[in-house]
Amino acid sequence: MPKDGPTDTTDKAGGATLTKIAQAIKGQEAGPKFYITTALAYARRIEYEGWSHTKAPAGMVRISIANLPNAIREYVRGLK
């Protein structure tokens, strides 16, 4: 289940987050569900309303989701 509320962690490079995801995947059976959530009030504005027009003009979540298959392939290549 998704967590409710923000965390106290920041991962600008994304490596620690990818490690957490990989560990979660290893412990799952076929068909796991993963949630990307945020409790921050401005998330919708950044994603859909161009609120951060200089840093994230096309949003953040949509770009991350679109890149997810490639990120997973690259991660798996690194396991071999």
PDB file of N, CA and C in Angstrom:
ATOM      1  N   MET A   1       0.834  -1.186   0.000  1.00  0.00           N
ATOM      2  CA  MET A   1       0.000   0.000   0.000  1.00  0.00           C
ATOM      3  C   MET A   1       0.876   1.246   0.000  1.00  0.00           C
ATOM      4  N   PRO A   2       0.427   2.280  -0.629  1.00  0.00           N
ATOM      5  CA  PRO A   2       1.219   3.516  -0.616  1.00  0.00           C
ATOM      6  C   PRO A   2       1.257   4.130   0.776  1.00  0.00           C
ATOM      7  N   LYS A   3       2.342   4.808   1.042  1.00  0.00           N
ATOM      8  CA  LYS A   3       2.468   5.502   2.314  1.00  0.00           C
ATOM      9  C   LYS A   3       1.699   6.800   2.276  1.00  0.00           C
ATOM     10  N   ASP A   4       1.251   7.227   3.422  1.00  0.00           N
ATOM     11  CA  ASP A   4       0.480   8.460   3.529  1.00  0.00           C
ATOM     12  C   ASP A   4       1.374   9.539   4.120  1.00  0.00           C
ATOM     13  N   GLY A   5       1.661  10.574   3.358  1.00  0.00           N
ATOM     14  CA  GLY A   5       2.470  11.678   3.856  1.00  0.00           C
ATOM     15  C   GLY A   5       3.867  11.655   3.289  1.00  0.00           C
ATOM     16  N   PRO A   6       4.556  12.778   3.397  1.00  0.00           N
ATOM     17  CA  PRO A   6       5.920  12.888   2.853  1.00  0.00           C
ATOM     18  C   PRO A   6       6.930  12.157   3.721  1.00  0.00           C
ATOM     19  N   THR A   7       8.082  11.853   3.112  1.00  0.00           N
ATOM     20  CA  THR A   7       9.188  11.275   3.857  1.00  0.00           C
ATOM     21  C   THR A   7      10.190  12.381   4.166  1.00  0.00           C
ATOM     22  N   ASP A   8      11.165  12.068   4.960  1.00  0.00           N
ATOM     23  CA  ASP A   8      12.197  13.039   5.297  1.00  0.00           C
ATOM     24  C   ASP A   8      13.437  12.859   4.435  1.00  0.00           C
ATOM     25  N   THR A   9      13.345  12.031   3.385  1.00  0.00           N
ATOM     26  CA  THR A   9      14.517  11.737   2.580  1.00  0.00           C
ATOM     27  C   THR A   9      14.538  12.544   1.290  1.00  0.00           C
ATOM     28  N   THR A  10      15.739  12.820   0.830  1.00  0.00           N
ATOM     29  CA  THR A  10      15.965  13.470  -0.448  1.00  0.00           C
ATOM     30  C   THR A  10      16.989  12.631  -1.201  1.00  0.00           C
ATOM     31  N   ASP A  11      16.715  12.358  -2.460  1.00  0.00           N
ATOM     32  CA  ASP A  11      17.621  11.540  -3.271  1.00  0.00           C
ATOM     33  C   ASP A  11      17.743  12.176  -4.649  1.00  0.00           C
ATOM     34  N   LYS A  12      18.555  13.224  -4.754  1.00  0.00           N
ATOM     35  CA  LYS A  12      18.674  13.977  -6.006  1.00  0.00           C
ATOM     36  C   LYS A  12      19.225  13.135  -7.152  1.00  0.00           C
ATOM     37  N   ALA A  13      20.159  12.243  -6.880  1.00  0.00           N
ATOM     38  CA  ALA A  13      20.738  11.413  -7.941  1.00  0.00           C
ATOM     39  C   ALA A  13      19.865  10.206  -8.268  1.00  0.00           C
ATOM     40  N   GLY A  14      19.051   9.756  -7.317  1.00  0.00           N
ATOM     41  CA  GLY A  14      18.129   8.651  -7.562  1.00  0.00           C
ATOM     42  C   GLY A  14      18.669   7.271  -7.250  1.00  0.00           C
ATOM     43  N   GLY A  15      19.954   7.155  -6.970  1.00  0.00           N
ATOM     44  CA  GLY A  15      20.551   5.839  -6.722  1.00  0.00           C
ATOM     45  C   GLY A  15      19.974   5.111  -5.514  1.00  0.00           C
ATOM     46  N   ALA A  16      19.795   5.827  -4.435  1.00  0.00           N
ATOM     47  CA  ALA A  16      19.241   5.198  -3.223  1.00  0.00           C
ATOM     48  C   ALA A  16      17.807   4.749  -3.455  1.00  0.00           C
ATOM     49  N   THR A  17      17.052   5.529  -4.191  1.00  0.00           N
ATOM     50  CA  THR A  17      15.669   5.163  -4.498  1.00  0.00           C
ATOM     51  C   THR A  17      15.634   3.922  -5.372  1.00  0.00           C
ATOM     52  N   LEU A  18      16.496   3.850  -6.390  1.00  0.00           N
ATOM     53  CA  LEU A  18      16.547   2.662  -7.239  1.00  0.00           C
ATOM     54  C   LEU A  18      16.938   1.427  -6.439  1.00  0.00           C
ATOM     55  N   THR A  19      17.846   1.580  -5.491  1.00  0.00           N
ATOM     56  CA  THR A  19      18.230   0.454  -4.635  1.00  0.00           C
ATOM     57  C   THR A  19      17.050  -0.021  -3.808  1.00  0.00           C
ATOM     58  N   LYS A  20      16.281   0.904  -3.246  1.00  0.00           N
ATOM     59  CA  LYS A  20      15.091   0.532  -2.470  1.00  0.00           C
ATOM     60  C   LYS A  20      14.082  -0.203  -3.340  1.00  0.00           C
ATOM     61  N   ILE A  21      13.886   0.278  -4.568  1.00  0.00           N
ATOM     62  CA  ILE A  21      12.953  -0.374  -5.485  1.00  0.00           C
ATOM     63  C   ILE A  21      13.433  -1.783  -5.807  1.00  0.00           C
ATOM     64  N   ALA A  22      14.722  -1.932  -6.104  1.00  0.00           N
ATOM     65  CA  ALA A  22      15.277  -3.246  -6.434  1.00  0.00           C
ATOM     66  C   ALA A  22      15.102  -4.215  -5.276  1.00  0.00           C
ATOM     67  N   GLN A  23      15.346  -3.760  -4.050  1.00  0.00           N
ATOM     68  CA  GLN A  23      15.172  -4.617  -2.877  1.00  0.00           C
ATOM     69  C   GLN A  23      13.714  -5.024  -2.711  1.00  0.00           C
ATOM     70  N   ALA A  24      12.806  -4.100  -2.971  1.00  0.00           N
ATOM     71  CA  ALA A  24      11.378  -4.417  -2.855  1.00  0.00           C
ATOM     72  C   ALA A  24      10.971  -5.437  -3.908  1.00  0.00           C
ATOM     73  N   ILE A  25      11.504  -5.314  -5.120  1.00  0.00           N
ATOM     74  CA  ILE A  25      11.169  -6.242  -6.196  1.00  0.00           C
ATOM     75  C   ILE A  25      11.671  -7.641  -5.877  1.00  0.00           C
ATOM     76  N   LYS A  26      12.875  -7.746  -5.342  1.00  0.00           N
ATOM     77  CA  LYS A  26      13.442  -9.056  -5.025  1.00  0.00           C
ATOM     78  C   LYS A  26      12.582  -9.822  -4.026  1.00  0.00           C
ATOM     79  N   GLY A  27      11.894  -9.105  -3.149  1.00  0.00           N
ATOM     80  CA  GLY A  27      11.084  -9.754  -2.124  1.00  0.00           C
ATOM     81  C   GLY A  27       9.652 -10.035  -2.545  1.00  0.00           C
ATOM     82  N   GLN A  28       9.304  -9.742  -3.794  1.00  0.00           N
ATOM     83  CA  GLN A  28       7.924  -9.890  -4.257  1.00  0.00           C
ATOM     84  C   GLN A  28       7.734 -11.146  -5.090  1.00  0.00           C
ATOM     85  N   GLU A  29       6.514 -11.632  -5.086  1.00  0.00           N
ATOM     86  CA  GLU A  29       6.127 -12.692  -6.002  1.00  0.00           C
ATOM     87  C   GLU A  29       5.652 -12.033  -7.287  1.00  0.00           C
ATOM     88  N   ALA A  30       5.303 -12.836  -8.276  1.00  0.00           N
ATOM     89  CA  ALA A  30       4.834 -12.294  -9.559  1.00  0.00           C
ATOM     90  C   ALA A  30       3.632 -11.387  -9.345  1.00  0.00           C
ATOM     91  N   GLY A  31       3.605 -10.300 -10.090  1.00  0.00           N
ATOM     92  CA  GLY A  31       2.457  -9.400 -10.065  1.00  0.00           C
ATOM     93  C   GLY A  31       2.452  -8.359  -8.971  1.00  0.00           C
ATOM     94  N   PRO A  32       3.625  -7.870  -8.502  1.00  0.00           N
ATOM     95  CA  PRO A  32       3.587  -6.843  -7.452  1.00  0.00           C
ATOM     96  C   PRO A  32       3.071  -5.515  -7.988  1.00  0.00           C
ATOM     97  N   LYS A  33       2.561  -4.709  -7.098  1.00  0.00           N
ATOM     98  CA  LYS A  33       2.129  -3.366  -7.452  1.00  0.00           C
ATOM     99  C   LYS A  33       3.015  -2.376  -6.722  1.00  0.00           C
ATOM    100  N   PHE A  34       3.407  -1.342  -7.422  1.00  0.00           N
ATOM    101  CA  PHE A  34       4.198  -0.283  -6.826  1.00  0.00           C
ATOM    102  C   PHE A  34       3.459   1.029  -7.026  1.00  0.00           C
ATOM    103  N   TYR A  35       3.562   1.897  -6.070  1.00  0.00           N
ATOM    104  CA  TYR A  35       2.865   3.172  -6.112  1.00  0.00           C
ATOM    105  C   TYR A  35       3.873   4.312  -6.085  1.00  0.00           C
ATOM    106  N   ILE A  36       3.623   5.309  -6.883  1.00  0.00           N
ATOM    107  CA  ILE A  36       4.395   6.542  -6.811  1.00  0.00           C
ATOM    108  C   ILE A  36       3.435   7.570  -6.243  1.00  0.00           C
ATOM    109  N   THR A  37       3.768   8.080  -5.074  1.00  0.00           N
ATOM    110  CA  THR A  37       2.857   8.995  -4.399  1.00  0.00           C
ATOM    111  C   THR A  37       3.592  10.227  -3.907  1.00  0.00           C
ATOM    112  N   THR A  38       2.829  11.235  -3.611  1.00  0.00           N
ATOM    113  CA  THR A  38       3.351  12.416  -2.938  1.00  0.00           C
ATOM    114  C   THR A  38       2.222  13.069  -2.159  1.00  0.00           C
ATOM    115  N   ALA A  39       2.570  13.614  -1.039  1.00  0.00           N
ATOM    116  CA  ALA A  39       1.583  14.325  -0.238  1.00  0.00           C
ATOM    117  C   ALA A  39       1.838  15.833  -0.282  1.00  0.00           C
ATOM    118  N   LEU A  40       2.738  16.237  -1.152  1.00  0.00           N
ATOM    119  CA  LEU A  40       3.078  17.645  -1.238  1.00  0.00           C
ATOM    120  C   LEU A  40       2.008  18.407  -2.014  1.00  0.00           C
ATOM    121  N   ALA A  41       1.583  19.521  -1.490  1.00  0.00           N
ATOM    122  CA  ALA A  41       0.474  20.281  -2.051  1.00  0.00           C
ATOM    123  C   ALA A  41       0.741  20.791  -3.463  1.00  0.00           C
ATOM    124  N   TYR A  42       1.982  21.050  -3.795  1.00  0.00           N
ATOM    125  CA  TYR A  42       2.287  21.641  -5.088  1.00  0.00           C
ATOM    126  C   TYR A  42       2.553  20.611  -6.191  1.00  0.00           C
ATOM    127  N   ALA A  43       2.484  19.334  -5.914  1.00  0.00           N
ATOM    128  CA  ALA A  43       2.814  18.300  -6.902  1.00  0.00           C
ATOM    129  C   ALA A  43       1.934  18.397  -8.145  1.00  0.00           C
ATOM    130  N   ARG A  44       0.644  18.573  -7.971  1.00  0.00           N
ATOM    131  CA  ARG A  44      -0.256  18.680  -9.127  1.00  0.00           C
ATOM    132  C   ARG A  44       0.091  19.912  -9.971  1.00  0.00           C
ATOM    133  N   ARG A  45       0.416  21.006  -9.313  1.00  0.00           N
ATOM    134  CA  ARG A  45       0.766  22.231 -10.047  1.00  0.00           C
ATOM    135  C   ARG A  45       2.025  22.036 -10.884  1.00  0.00           C
ATOM    136  N   ILE A  46       3.017  21.350 -10.318  1.00  0.00           N
ATOM    137  CA  ILE A  46       4.259  21.101 -11.057  1.00  0.00           C
ATOM    138  C   ILE A  46       3.994  20.167 -12.238  1.00  0.00           C
ATOM    139  N   GLU A  47       3.225  19.123 -11.997  1.00  0.00           N
ATOM    140  CA  GLU A  47       2.996  18.105 -13.028  1.00  0.00           C
ATOM    141  C   GLU A  47       2.118  18.598 -14.175  1.00  0.00           C
ATOM    142  N   TYR A  48       1.045  19.286 -13.870  1.00  0.00           N
ATOM    143  CA  TYR A  48       0.050  19.595 -14.897  1.00  0.00           C
ATOM    144  C   TYR A  48      -0.144  21.070 -15.221  1.00  0.00           C
ATOM    145  N   GLU A  49       0.296  21.962 -14.362  1.00  0.00           N
ATOM    146  CA  GLU A  49      -0.005  23.370 -14.578  1.00  0.00           C
ATOM    147  C   GLU A  49       1.214  24.216 -14.925  1.00  0.00           C
ATOM    148  N   GLY A  50       2.361  23.573 -15.157  1.00  0.00           N
ATOM    149  CA  GLY A  50       3.553  24.315 -15.535  1.00  0.00           C
ATOM    150  C   GLY A  50       4.082  25.225 -14.445  1.00  0.00           C
ATOM    151  N   TRP A  51       3.765  24.906 -13.198  1.00  0.00           N
ATOM    152  CA  TRP A  51       4.138  25.750 -12.066  1.00  0.00           C
ATOM    153  C   TRP A  51       5.648  25.929 -11.958  1.00  0.00           C
ATOM    154  N   SER A  52       6.392  24.908 -12.355  1.00  0.00           N
ATOM    155  CA  SER A  52       7.851  24.998 -12.329  1.00  0.00           C
ATOM    156  C   SER A  52       8.356  25.063 -13.766  1.00  0.00           C
ATOM    157  N   HIS A  53       7.984  26.114 -14.474  1.00  0.00           N
ATOM    158  CA  HIS A  53       8.274  26.208 -15.901  1.00  0.00           C
ATOM    159  C   HIS A  53       9.757  26.240 -16.247  1.00  0.00           C
ATOM    160  N   THR A  54      10.625  26.539 -15.286  1.00  0.00           N
ATOM    161  CA  THR A  54      12.056  26.553 -15.590  1.00  0.00           C
ATOM    162  C   THR A  54      12.738  25.238 -15.231  1.00  0.00           C
ATOM    163  N   LYS A  55      12.237  24.527 -14.233  1.00  0.00           N
ATOM    164  CA  LYS A  55      12.889  23.290 -13.799  1.00  0.00           C
ATOM    165  C   LYS A  55      12.190  22.026 -14.303  1.00  0.00           C
ATOM    166  N   ALA A  56      10.881  22.054 -14.443  1.00  0.00           N
ATOM    167  CA  ALA A  56      10.135  20.868 -14.879  1.00  0.00           C
ATOM    168  C   ALA A  56       8.962  21.279 -15.762  1.00  0.00           C
ATOM    169  N   PRO A  57       9.244  21.870 -16.921  1.00  0.00           N
ATOM    170  CA  PRO A  57       8.150  22.370 -17.751  1.00  0.00           C
ATOM    171  C   PRO A  57       7.208  21.275 -18.258  1.00  0.00           C
ATOM    172  N   ALA A  58       7.683  20.053 -18.383  1.00  0.00           N
ATOM    173  CA  ALA A  58       6.840  18.952 -18.865  1.00  0.00           C
ATOM    174  C   ALA A  58       6.399  18.048 -17.726  1.00  0.00           C
ATOM    175  N   GLY A  59       6.517  18.515 -16.503  1.00  0.00           N
ATOM    176  CA  GLY A  59       6.166  17.682 -15.357  1.00  0.00           C
ATOM    177  C   GLY A  59       7.335  16.813 -14.941  1.00  0.00           C
ATOM    178  N   MET A  60       7.105  15.941 -13.968  1.00  0.00           N
ATOM    179  CA  MET A  60       8.153  15.060 -13.472  1.00  0.00           C
ATOM    180  C   MET A  60       7.713  13.606 -13.494  1.00  0.00           C
ATOM    181  N   VAL A  61       6.524  13.345 -13.016  1.00  0.00           N
ATOM    182  CA  VAL A  61       6.055  11.961 -12.906  1.00  0.00           C
ATOM    183  C   VAL A  61       5.887  11.352 -14.293  1.00  0.00           C
ATOM    184  N   ARG A  62       5.266  12.077 -15.205  1.00  0.00           N
ATOM    185  CA  ARG A  62       5.051  11.537 -16.552  1.00  0.00           C
ATOM    186  C   ARG A  62       6.364  11.190 -17.226  1.00  0.00           C
ATOM    187  N   ILE A  63       7.380  12.009 -17.045  1.00  0.00           N
ATOM    188  CA  ILE A  63       8.689  11.741 -17.636  1.00  0.00           C
ATOM    189  C   ILE A  63       9.319  10.512 -16.982  1.00  0.00           C
ATOM    190  N   SER A  64       9.207  10.418 -15.672  1.00  0.00           N
ATOM    191  CA  SER A  64       9.773   9.272 -14.956  1.00  0.00           C
ATOM    192  C   SER A  64       9.101   7.966 -15.364  1.00  0.00           C
ATOM    193  N   ILE A  65       7.780   7.983 -15.478  1.00  0.00           N
ATOM    194  CA  ILE A  65       7.050   6.782 -15.880  1.00  0.00           C
ATOM    195  C   ILE A  65       7.421   6.388 -17.307  1.00  0.00           C
ATOM    196  N   ALA A  66       7.534   7.361 -18.187  1.00  0.00           N
ATOM    197  CA  ALA A  66       7.901   7.067 -19.572  1.00  0.00           C
ATOM    198  C   ALA A  66       9.294   6.458 -19.653  1.00  0.00           C
ATOM    199  N   ASN A  67      10.192   6.850 -18.758  1.00  0.00           N
ATOM    200  CA  ASN A  67      11.569   6.354 -18.755  1.00  0.00           C
ATOM    201  C   ASN A  67      11.726   5.062 -17.957  1.00  0.00           C
ATOM    202  N   LEU A  68      10.712   4.637 -17.247  1.00  0.00           N
ATOM    203  CA  LEU A  68      10.817   3.473 -16.367  1.00  0.00           C
ATOM    204  C   LEU A  68      11.249   2.203 -17.095  1.00  0.00           C
ATOM    205  N   PRO A  69      10.665   1.827 -18.235  1.00  0.00           N
ATOM    206  CA  PRO A  69      11.126   0.595 -18.896  1.00  0.00           C
ATOM    207  C   PRO A  69      12.618   0.615 -19.219  1.00  0.00           C
ATOM    208  N   ASN A  70      13.121   1.751 -19.690  1.00  0.00           N
ATOM    209  CA  ASN A  70      14.547   1.859 -19.984  1.00  0.00           C
ATOM    210  C   ASN A  70      15.383   1.761 -18.709  1.00  0.00           C
ATOM    211  N   ALA A  71      14.939   2.407 -17.646  1.00  0.00           N
ATOM    212  CA  ALA A  71      15.673   2.347 -16.375  1.00  0.00           C
ATOM    213  C   ALA A  71      15.724   0.922 -15.841  1.00  0.00           C
ATOM    214  N   ILE A  72      14.641   0.186 -15.983  1.00  0.00           N
ATOM    215  CA  ILE A  72      14.612  -1.209 -15.519  1.00  0.00           C
ATOM    216  C   ILE A  72      15.566  -2.058 -16.352  1.00  0.00           C
ATOM    217  N   ARG A  73      15.546  -1.881 -17.694  1.00  0.00           N
ATOM    218  CA  ARG A  73      16.470  -2.631 -18.559  1.00  0.00           C
ATOM    219  C   ARG A  73      17.923  -2.352 -18.173  1.00  0.00           C
ATOM    220  N   GLU A  74      18.258  -1.086 -17.955  1.00  0.00           N
ATOM    221  CA  GLU A  74      19.625  -0.734 -17.584  1.00  0.00           C
ATOM    222  C   GLU A  74      20.006  -1.347 -16.237  1.00  0.00           C
ATOM    223  N   TYR A  75      19.084  -1.342 -15.307  1.00  0.00           N
ATOM    224  CA  TYR A  75      19.347  -1.929 -13.998  1.00  0.00           C
ATOM    225  C   TYR A  75      19.607  -3.437 -14.133  1.00  0.00           C
ATOM    226  N   VAL A  76      18.777  -4.124 -14.895  1.00  0.00           N
ATOM    227  CA  VAL A  76      18.913  -5.570 -15.072  1.00  0.00           C
ATOM    228  C   VAL A  76      20.234  -5.882 -15.766  1.00  0.00           C
ATOM    229  N   ARG A  77      20.628  -5.095 -16.742  1.00  0.00           N
ATOM    230  CA  ARG A  77      21.920  -5.290 -17.391  1.00  0.00           C
ATOM    231  C   ARG A  77      23.066  -5.231 -16.386  1.00  0.00           C
ATOM    232  N   GLY A  78      22.935  -4.353 -15.421  1.00  0.00           N
ATOM    233  CA  GLY A  78      23.963  -4.215 -14.398  1.00  0.00           C
ATOM    234  C   GLY A  78      24.017  -5.399 -13.445  1.00  0.00           C
ATOM    235  N   LEU A  79      22.955  -6.183 -13.363  1.00  0.00           N
ATOM    236  CA  LEU A  79      22.944  -7.363 -12.500  1.00  0.00           C
ATOM    237  C   LEU A  79      23.670  -8.538 -13.113  1.00  0.00           C
ATOM    238  N   LYS A  80      23.807  -8.538 -14.424  1.00  0.00           N
ATOM    239  CA  LYS A  80      24.421  -9.684 -15.134  1.00  0.00           C
ATOM    240  C   LYS A  80      25.913  -9.706 -14.975  1.00  0.00           C
TER     241      LYS A  80
END
